[in-house]
Amino acid sequence: MNLTSLHPAQCRHQKITRNTGQIMTLLKNLGVPSRMLYVRRLSDNGSFWSRRINHLQVLEQARRLYRQQIVGVHPDKAGGCVERTIQLNGAWDKIEQRFKAHGHELG
């Protein structure tokens, strides 16, 4: 199938669907508890963005965990790790972008 023949809305939907797993991985790697990411009924655990969870609360928790971790690994601190700092900054940037794209921003 020729990709240029797809309707732009279909391409955009495929991109969001593909990134849903990535946002979950980023949040879990940052340490966000699974109980915040899932709902009790399995049928409601489809796309992360359509789940009946408080997305803003998840974003706040992710920011809190990011700040706690970045303080400990920052290269300016004794025993800091440049690689881990880069990983954390990259993960936080991606998380922030995805949430912003779905209408969730911290003030």
N, C-alpha and C. Protein backbone atom coordinates (compact mmCIF):
# COMPACT_ATOMS: atom_id res chain seq x y z
N MET A 1 0.84 -1.17 0.00
CA MET A 1 0.00 0.00 0.00
C MET A 1 0.89 1.23 0.00
N ASN A 2 0.57 2.18 -0.82
CA ASN A 2 1.34 3.41 -0.91
C ASN A 2 0.98 4.32 0.26
N LEU A 3 1.98 4.72 1.05
CA LEU A 3 1.73 5.55 2.22
C LEU A 3 1.22 6.93 1.85
N THR A 4 1.55 7.42 0.68
CA THR A 4 1.09 8.75 0.30
C THR A 4 -0.39 8.75 -0.02
N SER A 5 -0.98 7.57 -0.21
CA SER A 5 -2.41 7.52 -0.51
C SER A 5 -3.26 7.58 0.76
N LEU A 6 -2.63 7.46 1.92
CA LEU A 6 -3.39 7.51 3.17
C LEU A 6 -3.87 8.92 3.45
N HIS A 7 -5.02 9.01 4.01
CA HIS A 7 -5.57 10.30 4.42
C HIS A 7 -4.73 10.83 5.58
N PRO A 8 -4.43 12.14 5.65
CA PRO A 8 -3.59 12.68 6.73
C PRO A 8 -4.09 12.34 8.13
N ALA A 9 -5.39 12.28 8.30
CA ALA A 9 -5.94 11.95 9.62
C ALA A 9 -5.57 10.52 10.01
N GLN A 10 -5.54 9.62 9.03
CA GLN A 10 -5.17 8.25 9.32
C GLN A 10 -3.70 8.16 9.74
N CYS A 11 -2.84 8.89 9.08
CA CYS A 11 -1.42 8.89 9.44
C CYS A 11 -1.23 9.43 10.84
N ARG A 12 -1.91 10.50 11.16
CA ARG A 12 -1.79 11.11 12.47
C ARG A 12 -2.27 10.13 13.54
N HIS A 13 -3.38 9.42 13.27
CA HIS A 13 -3.91 8.46 14.23
C HIS A 13 -2.91 7.32 14.44
N GLN A 14 -2.29 6.85 13.39
CA GLN A 14 -1.33 5.76 13.52
C GLN A 14 -0.14 6.19 14.37
N LYS A 15 0.28 7.43 14.21
CA LYS A 15 1.41 7.93 14.99
C LYS A 15 1.06 7.97 16.47
N ILE A 16 -0.11 8.46 16.81
CA ILE A 16 -0.53 8.53 18.21
C ILE A 16 -0.65 7.12 18.79
N THR A 17 -1.21 6.20 18.04
CA THR A 17 -1.36 4.83 18.52
C THR A 17 -0.01 4.21 18.78
N ARG A 18 0.95 4.43 17.90
CA ARG A 18 2.27 3.85 18.07
C ARG A 18 2.95 4.43 19.30
N ASN A 19 2.76 5.70 19.59
CA ASN A 19 3.43 6.35 20.69
C ASN A 19 2.78 6.07 22.04
N THR A 20 1.60 5.47 22.04
CA THR A 20 0.92 5.18 23.31
C THR A 20 1.77 4.25 24.15
N GLY A 21 2.32 3.21 23.56
CA GLY A 21 3.18 2.29 24.29
C GLY A 21 4.44 2.98 24.78
N GLN A 22 4.94 3.91 23.99
CA GLN A 22 6.15 4.62 24.37
C GLN A 22 5.91 5.50 25.59
N ILE A 23 4.79 6.17 25.65
CA ILE A 23 4.51 7.03 26.81
C ILE A 23 4.41 6.18 28.07
N MET A 24 3.82 5.02 27.96
CA MET A 24 3.72 4.13 29.12
C MET A 24 5.11 3.69 29.57
N THR A 25 5.97 3.34 28.62
CA THR A 25 7.33 2.93 28.95
C THR A 25 8.10 4.06 29.61
N LEU A 26 7.98 5.27 29.07
CA LEU A 26 8.66 6.42 29.65
C LEU A 26 8.20 6.67 31.09
N LEU A 27 6.89 6.61 31.30
CA LEU A 27 6.35 6.86 32.64
C LEU A 27 6.78 5.78 33.63
N LYS A 28 6.76 4.52 33.19
CA LYS A 28 7.17 3.42 34.07
C LYS A 28 8.65 3.51 34.39
N ASN A 29 9.48 3.85 33.38
CA ASN A 29 10.92 3.98 33.62
C ASN A 29 11.24 5.12 34.57
N LEU A 30 10.41 6.14 34.57
CA LEU A 30 10.60 7.26 35.49
C LEU A 30 10.18 6.88 36.91
N GLY A 31 9.35 5.84 37.02
CA GLY A 31 8.94 5.35 38.34
C GLY A 31 7.50 5.64 38.71
N VAL A 32 6.68 6.08 37.75
CA VAL A 32 5.27 6.33 38.04
C VAL A 32 4.61 5.00 38.37
N PRO A 33 3.92 4.90 39.50
CA PRO A 33 3.30 3.64 39.90
C PRO A 33 2.24 3.17 38.90
N SER A 34 2.20 1.87 38.70
CA SER A 34 1.24 1.28 37.75
C SER A 34 -0.20 1.58 38.13
N ARG A 35 -0.49 1.70 39.42
CA ARG A 35 -1.87 1.96 39.85
C ARG A 35 -2.38 3.30 39.33
N MET A 36 -1.46 4.21 39.00
CA MET A 36 -1.87 5.51 38.45
C MET A 36 -2.12 5.42 36.94
N LEU A 37 -1.60 4.40 36.29
CA LEU A 37 -1.64 4.31 34.83
C LEU A 37 -2.77 3.43 34.31
N TYR A 38 -3.31 2.59 35.15
CA TYR A 38 -4.33 1.65 34.71
C TYR A 38 -5.62 1.86 35.51
N VAL A 39 -6.72 1.40 34.93
CA VAL A 39 -7.99 1.41 35.64
C VAL A 39 -8.36 -0.03 35.96
N ARG A 40 -9.32 -0.21 36.86
CA ARG A 40 -9.67 -1.56 37.32
C ARG A 40 -10.27 -2.43 36.21
N ARG A 41 -11.14 -1.83 35.41
CA ARG A 41 -11.80 -2.63 34.37
C ARG A 41 -10.88 -2.75 33.17
N LEU A 42 -10.56 -3.98 32.79
CA LEU A 42 -9.65 -4.22 31.67
C LEU A 42 -10.17 -3.61 30.37
N SER A 43 -11.47 -3.57 30.21
CA SER A 43 -12.03 -3.03 28.97
C SER A 43 -11.75 -1.54 28.82
N ASP A 44 -11.45 -0.85 29.93
CA ASP A 44 -11.15 0.59 29.88
C ASP A 44 -9.66 0.87 29.71
N ASN A 45 -8.83 -0.15 29.60
CA ASN A 45 -7.39 0.03 29.50
C ASN A 45 -6.92 0.02 28.05
N GLY A 46 -7.63 0.66 27.18
CA GLY A 46 -7.21 0.77 25.78
C GLY A 46 -6.09 1.77 25.65
N SER A 47 -6.28 2.76 24.84
CA SER A 47 -5.29 3.80 24.64
C SER A 47 -5.07 4.55 25.95
N PHE A 48 -3.83 4.90 26.23
CA PHE A 48 -3.51 5.62 27.46
C PHE A 48 -4.32 6.91 27.56
N TRP A 49 -4.50 7.58 26.44
CA TRP A 49 -5.15 8.89 26.45
C TRP A 49 -6.65 8.80 26.62
N SER A 50 -7.25 7.63 26.38
CA SER A 50 -8.69 7.49 26.54
C SER A 50 -9.07 6.84 27.87
N ARG A 51 -8.10 6.52 28.68
CA ARG A 51 -8.37 5.89 29.98
C ARG A 51 -8.98 6.90 30.94
N ARG A 52 -9.80 6.39 31.83
CA ARG A 52 -10.45 7.24 32.83
C ARG A 52 -9.55 7.41 34.04
N ILE A 53 -8.43 8.06 33.80
CA ILE A 53 -7.48 8.37 34.86
C ILE A 53 -7.25 9.87 34.86
N ASN A 54 -6.69 10.37 35.92
CA ASN A 54 -6.39 11.78 36.01
C ASN A 54 -5.02 12.01 35.37
N HIS A 55 -5.03 12.38 34.09
CA HIS A 55 -3.79 12.54 33.34
C HIS A 55 -2.91 13.64 33.94
N LEU A 56 -3.53 14.69 34.44
CA LEU A 56 -2.76 15.78 35.03
C LEU A 56 -2.04 15.31 36.30
N GLN A 57 -2.70 14.47 37.07
CA GLN A 57 -2.09 13.92 38.28
C GLN A 57 -0.90 13.02 37.91
N VAL A 58 -1.03 12.26 36.84
CA VAL A 58 0.06 11.41 36.37
C VAL A 58 1.24 12.29 35.95
N LEU A 59 0.96 13.38 35.24
CA LEU A 59 2.01 14.29 34.81
C LEU A 59 2.70 14.94 36.01
N GLU A 60 1.93 15.34 37.00
CA GLU A 60 2.52 15.92 38.21
C GLU A 60 3.42 14.92 38.93
N GLN A 61 2.98 13.68 39.02
CA GLN A 61 3.78 12.63 39.66
C GLN A 61 5.06 12.39 38.85
N ALA A 62 4.96 12.37 37.54
CA ALA A 62 6.14 12.18 36.70
C ALA A 62 7.14 13.31 36.91
N ARG A 63 6.65 14.54 36.99
CA ARG A 63 7.54 15.68 37.21
C ARG A 63 8.21 15.58 38.58
N ARG A 64 7.45 15.19 39.60
CA ARG A 64 8.00 15.03 40.94
C ARG A 64 9.12 13.98 40.95
N LEU A 65 8.88 12.85 40.30
CA LEU A 65 9.88 11.78 40.25
C LEU A 65 11.10 12.21 39.43
N TYR A 66 10.86 12.92 38.33
CA TYR A 66 11.96 13.41 37.51
C TYR A 66 12.86 14.33 38.33
N ARG A 67 12.26 15.27 39.06
CA ARG A 67 13.04 16.22 39.86
C ARG A 67 13.83 15.52 40.96
N GLN A 68 13.22 14.51 41.59
CA GLN A 68 13.93 13.77 42.63
C GLN A 68 15.15 13.05 42.07
N GLN A 69 14.97 12.45 40.90
CA GLN A 69 16.05 11.67 40.31
C GLN A 69 17.15 12.55 39.71
N ILE A 70 16.77 13.66 39.09
CA ILE A 70 17.76 14.50 38.42
C ILE A 70 18.70 15.14 39.44
N VAL A 71 18.21 15.44 40.63
CA VAL A 71 19.04 16.02 41.68
C VAL A 71 20.16 15.06 42.07
N GLY A 72 19.85 13.78 42.13
CA GLY A 72 20.83 12.79 42.55
C GLY A 72 21.87 12.43 41.52
N VAL A 73 21.54 12.57 40.24
CA VAL A 73 22.47 12.12 39.19
C VAL A 73 23.10 13.27 38.41
N HIS A 74 22.76 14.49 38.74
CA HIS A 74 23.28 15.63 37.98
C HIS A 74 24.80 15.66 38.06
N PRO A 75 25.48 15.94 36.93
CA PRO A 75 26.95 15.91 36.91
C PRO A 75 27.61 16.96 37.82
N ASP A 76 26.89 18.01 38.20
CA ASP A 76 27.46 19.01 39.10
C ASP A 76 27.62 18.47 40.53
N LYS A 77 26.95 17.38 40.80
CA LYS A 77 26.99 16.78 42.13
C LYS A 77 28.06 15.67 42.14
N ALA A 78 28.70 15.49 43.28
CA ALA A 78 29.69 14.43 43.39
C ALA A 78 29.04 13.08 43.12
N GLY A 79 29.63 12.29 42.27
CA GLY A 79 29.08 10.98 41.92
C GLY A 79 27.97 11.05 40.89
N GLY A 80 27.79 12.21 40.26
CA GLY A 80 26.75 12.38 39.24
C GLY A 80 27.08 11.58 37.99
N CYS A 81 26.08 11.37 37.18
CA CYS A 81 26.22 10.56 35.97
C CYS A 81 25.67 11.33 34.77
N VAL A 82 26.54 11.69 33.85
CA VAL A 82 26.14 12.46 32.67
C VAL A 82 25.14 11.68 31.82
N GLU A 83 25.40 10.37 31.64
CA GLU A 83 24.53 9.56 30.79
C GLU A 83 23.11 9.48 31.35
N ARG A 84 23.01 9.25 32.65
CA ARG A 84 21.68 9.16 33.28
C ARG A 84 20.96 10.51 33.24
N THR A 85 21.72 11.60 33.39
CA THR A 85 21.13 12.93 33.29
C THR A 85 20.54 13.15 31.90
N ILE A 86 21.28 12.76 30.89
CA ILE A 86 20.79 12.89 29.50
C ILE A 86 19.55 12.05 29.29
N GLN A 87 19.55 10.82 29.82
CA GLN A 87 18.38 9.94 29.70
C GLN A 87 17.16 10.55 30.37
N LEU A 88 17.34 11.03 31.59
CA LEU A 88 16.22 11.63 32.33
C LEU A 88 15.69 12.87 31.63
N ASN A 89 16.58 13.73 31.17
CA ASN A 89 16.13 14.95 30.48
C ASN A 89 15.39 14.61 29.19
N GLY A 90 15.89 13.63 28.44
CA GLY A 90 15.22 13.22 27.21
C GLY A 90 13.85 12.63 27.49
N ALA A 91 13.76 11.78 28.52
CA ALA A 91 12.49 11.16 28.87
C ALA A 91 11.48 12.23 29.30
N TRP A 92 11.91 13.16 30.14
CA TRP A 92 11.01 14.20 30.61
C TRP A 92 10.54 15.08 29.45
N ASP A 93 11.43 15.42 28.54
CA ASP A 93 11.04 16.22 27.37
C ASP A 93 9.97 15.52 26.54
N LYS A 94 10.16 14.22 26.30
CA LYS A 94 9.18 13.45 25.52
C LYS A 94 7.84 13.37 26.25
N ILE A 95 7.89 13.12 27.55
CA ILE A 95 6.65 13.02 28.34
C ILE A 95 5.90 14.35 28.27
N GLU A 96 6.62 15.44 28.50
CA GLU A 96 6.00 16.77 28.48
C GLU A 96 5.38 17.09 27.12
N GLN A 97 6.08 16.75 26.04
CA GLN A 97 5.56 16.99 24.70
C GLN A 97 4.30 16.19 24.43
N ARG A 98 4.30 14.91 24.81
CA ARG A 98 3.13 14.06 24.56
C ARG A 98 1.91 14.54 25.33
N PHE A 99 2.11 14.91 26.59
CA PHE A 99 0.99 15.40 27.39
C PHE A 99 0.49 16.72 26.83
N LYS A 100 1.38 17.59 26.42
CA LYS A 100 0.99 18.87 25.85
C LYS A 100 0.19 18.67 24.57
N ALA A 101 0.61 17.71 23.75
CA ALA A 101 -0.10 17.41 22.50
C ALA A 101 -1.52 16.93 22.75
N HIS A 102 -1.76 16.38 23.94
CA HIS A 102 -3.09 15.88 24.29
C HIS A 102 -3.82 16.82 25.24
N GLY A 103 -3.29 18.03 25.39
CA GLY A 103 -4.02 19.07 26.14
C GLY A 103 -3.80 19.08 27.63
N HIS A 104 -2.72 18.48 28.09
CA HIS A 104 -2.43 18.44 29.52
C HIS A 104 -1.10 19.14 29.76
N GLU A 105 -1.16 20.29 30.46
CA GLU A 105 0.05 21.05 30.77
C GLU A 105 0.07 21.44 32.23
N LEU A 106 1.27 21.51 32.76
CA LEU A 106 1.43 21.99 34.13
C LEU A 106 1.68 23.48 34.10
N GLY A 107 1.17 24.18 35.10
CA GLY A 107 1.31 25.64 35.15
C GLY A 107 2.61 26.08 35.72
